[in-house]
Amino acid sequence: MNHKLDQKLKNRAIHRAKIIGGQLEGLVKSIESEEYCPILLERSLAIQKSLKSLNAFLLENHLKIHVTHQIKHEGQEEKAIKELIKVYTLSNR
């Protein structure tokens, strides 16, 4: 099976991941400089929000590329269902 990413979604995901990397570096520096706790929490929550956005891009790609392929090819529907249940379960932990 083709494990490629939709190029538009790939570019958006890379951009988002780089932003998250910068946010994380900023948080580490803020912790090292012992910034006020509510500021640290705001930064941490912003990173979590950015991660959710990245997750949405990755899920969108999976649905558009892989799940669509799996549903069109007999015998792979169960795999698609299991993968989506796994993602759903992980997202609710």
C-alpha atoms as a PDB file:
ATOM      1  CA  MET A   1       0.000   0.000   0.000  1.00  0.00           C
ATOM      2  CA  ASN A   2       1.130   3.520  -0.748  1.00  0.00           C
ATOM      3  CA  HIS A   3       2.083   5.285   2.501  1.00  0.00           C
ATOM      4  CA  LYS A   4       2.498   8.726   0.960  1.00  0.00           C
ATOM      5  CA  LEU A   5       1.100  11.935   2.328  1.00  0.00           C
ATOM      6  CA  ASP A   6      -1.062  14.315   0.359  1.00  0.00           C
ATOM      7  CA  GLN A   7       1.512  17.004  -0.471  1.00  0.00           C
ATOM      8  CA  LYS A   8      -0.664  19.927   0.621  1.00  0.00           C
ATOM      9  CA  LEU A   9      -1.395  18.246   3.946  1.00  0.00           C
ATOM     10  CA  LYS A  10       2.256  17.223   4.249  1.00  0.00           C
ATOM     11  CA  ASN A  11       3.376  20.843   3.902  1.00  0.00           C
ATOM     12  CA  ARG A  12       0.802  21.991   6.446  1.00  0.00           C
ATOM     13  CA  ALA A  13       1.839  19.229   8.856  1.00  0.00           C
ATOM     14  CA  ILE A  14       5.540  20.059   8.496  1.00  0.00           C
ATOM     15  CA  HIS A  15       4.806  23.745   9.097  1.00  0.00           C
ATOM     16  CA  ARG A  16       2.731  22.913  12.182  1.00  0.00           C
ATOM     17  CA  ALA A  17       5.408  20.521  13.517  1.00  0.00           C
ATOM     18  CA  LYS A  18       8.083  23.217  13.135  1.00  0.00           C
ATOM     19  CA  ILE A  19       5.892  25.689  15.003  1.00  0.00           C
ATOM     20  CA  ILE A  20       5.438  23.119  17.778  1.00  0.00           C
ATOM     21  CA  GLY A  21       9.201  22.608  17.926  1.00  0.00           C
ATOM     22  CA  GLY A  22       9.687  26.344  18.381  1.00  0.00           C
ATOM     23  CA  GLN A  23       6.951  26.486  20.999  1.00  0.00           C
ATOM     24  CA  LEU A  24       8.557  23.610  22.890  1.00  0.00           C
ATOM     25  CA  GLU A  25      11.984  25.261  22.812  1.00  0.00           C
ATOM     26  CA  GLY A  26      10.380  28.439  24.129  1.00  0.00           C
ATOM     27  CA  LEU A  27       8.704  26.509  26.937  1.00  0.00           C
ATOM     28  CA  VAL A  28      11.995  24.882  27.942  1.00  0.00           C
ATOM     29  CA  LYS A  29      13.677  28.313  28.085  1.00  0.00           C
ATOM     30  CA  SER A  30      10.751  29.676  30.101  1.00  0.00           C
ATOM     31  CA  ILE A  31      11.043  26.827  32.600  1.00  0.00           C
ATOM     32  CA  GLU A  32      14.795  27.293  32.833  1.00  0.00           C
ATOM     33  CA  SER A  33      14.316  31.001  33.548  1.00  0.00           C
ATOM     34  CA  GLU A  34      11.637  30.135  36.111  1.00  0.00           C
ATOM     35  CA  GLU A  35       8.859  32.198  34.592  1.00  0.00           C
ATOM     36  CA  TYR A  36       5.597  32.581  36.464  1.00  0.00           C
ATOM     37  CA  CYS A  37       3.629  29.300  36.550  1.00  0.00           C
ATOM     38  CA  PRO A  38       0.507  30.607  34.753  1.00  0.00           C
ATOM     39  CA  ILE A  39       2.726  31.710  31.859  1.00  0.00           C
ATOM     40  CA  LEU A  40       4.292  28.245  31.717  1.00  0.00           C
ATOM     41  CA  LEU A  41       0.849  26.665  31.722  1.00  0.00           C
ATOM     42  CA  GLU A  42      -0.333  28.978  28.932  1.00  0.00           C
ATOM     43  CA  ARG A  43       2.648  27.963  26.818  1.00  0.00           C
ATOM     44  CA  SER A  44       2.101  24.285  27.541  1.00  0.00           C
ATOM     45  CA  LEU A  45      -1.591  24.542  26.657  1.00  0.00           C
ATOM     46  CA  ALA A  46      -0.728  26.353  23.420  1.00  0.00           C
ATOM     47  CA  ILE A  47       1.558  23.448  22.498  1.00  0.00           C
ATOM     48  CA  GLN A  48      -1.230  20.982  23.225  1.00  0.00           C
ATOM     49  CA  LYS A  49      -3.569  22.969  20.982  1.00  0.00           C
ATOM     50  CA  SER A  50      -0.953  22.954  18.220  1.00  0.00           C
ATOM     51  CA  LEU A  51      -0.518  19.181  18.604  1.00  0.00           C
ATOM     52  CA  LYS A  52      -4.279  18.723  18.224  1.00  0.00           C
ATOM     53  CA  SER A  53      -4.114  20.754  15.029  1.00  0.00           C
ATOM     54  CA  LEU A  54      -1.263  18.567  13.745  1.00  0.00           C
ATOM     55  CA  ASN A  55      -3.241  15.458  14.663  1.00  0.00           C
ATOM     56  CA  ALA A  56      -6.160  16.766  12.608  1.00  0.00           C
ATOM     57  CA  PHE A  57      -3.900  17.174   9.530  1.00  0.00           C
ATOM     58  CA  LEU A  58      -2.537  13.644   9.954  1.00  0.00           C
ATOM     59  CA  LEU A  59      -5.983  12.142  10.475  1.00  0.00           C
ATOM     60  CA  GLU A  60      -7.300  14.001   7.432  1.00  0.00           C
ATOM     61  CA  ASN A  61      -4.494  12.540   5.334  1.00  0.00           C
ATOM     62  CA  HIS A  62      -5.153   9.042   6.652  1.00  0.00           C
ATOM     63  CA  LEU A  63      -8.852   9.309   5.864  1.00  0.00           C
ATOM     64  CA  LYS A  64      -8.310  10.763   2.377  1.00  0.00           C
ATOM     65  CA  ILE A  65      -5.514   8.444   1.286  1.00  0.00           C
ATOM     66  CA  HIS A  66      -5.470   5.221   3.268  1.00  0.00           C
ATOM     67  CA  VAL A  67      -9.005   4.675   4.538  1.00  0.00           C
ATOM     68  CA  THR A  68     -10.438   5.511   1.127  1.00  0.00           C
ATOM     69  CA  HIS A  69      -8.064   2.946  -0.426  1.00  0.00           C
ATOM     70  CA  GLN A  70      -8.905   0.330   2.197  1.00  0.00           C
ATOM     71  CA  ILE A  71     -12.657   0.726   1.739  1.00  0.00           C
ATOM     72  CA  LYS A  72     -12.348   0.419  -2.049  1.00  0.00           C
ATOM     73  CA  HIS A  73     -10.365  -2.827  -1.781  1.00  0.00           C
ATOM     74  CA  GLU A  74     -12.327  -5.756  -0.479  1.00  0.00           C
ATOM     75  CA  GLY A  75     -10.887  -7.421   2.580  1.00  0.00           C
ATOM     76  CA  GLN A  76      -9.241  -4.268   3.929  1.00  0.00           C
ATOM     77  CA  GLU A  77     -12.312  -2.688   5.502  1.00  0.00           C
ATOM     78  CA  GLU A  78     -11.625  -4.400   8.832  1.00  0.00           C
ATOM     79  CA  LYS A  79      -8.088  -2.999   8.882  1.00  0.00           C
ATOM     80  CA  ALA A  80      -9.444   0.529   8.376  1.00  0.00           C
ATOM     81  CA  ILE A  81     -11.931   0.076  11.194  1.00  0.00           C
ATOM     82  CA  LYS A  82      -9.296  -1.301  13.600  1.00  0.00           C
ATOM     83  CA  GLU A  83      -6.894   1.570  12.820  1.00  0.00           C
ATOM     84  CA  LEU A  84      -9.574   4.198  13.374  1.00  0.00           C
ATOM     85  CA  ILE A  85     -10.667   2.597  16.647  1.00  0.00           C
ATOM     86  CA  LYS A  86      -7.030   2.554  17.804  1.00  0.00           C
ATOM     87  CA  VAL A  87      -6.610   6.261  16.978  1.00  0.00           C
ATOM     88  CA  TYR A  88      -9.920   7.068  18.681  1.00  0.00           C
ATOM     89  CA  THR A  89      -8.919   5.106  21.784  1.00  0.00           C
ATOM     90  CA  LEU A  90      -5.508   6.777  21.985  1.00  0.00           C
ATOM     91  CA  SER A  91      -7.035  10.223  21.579  1.00  0.00           C
ATOM     92  CA  ASN A  92      -9.339   9.653  24.551  1.00  0.00           C
ATOM     93  CA  ARG A  93      -6.699   8.600  27.069  1.00  0.00           C
END
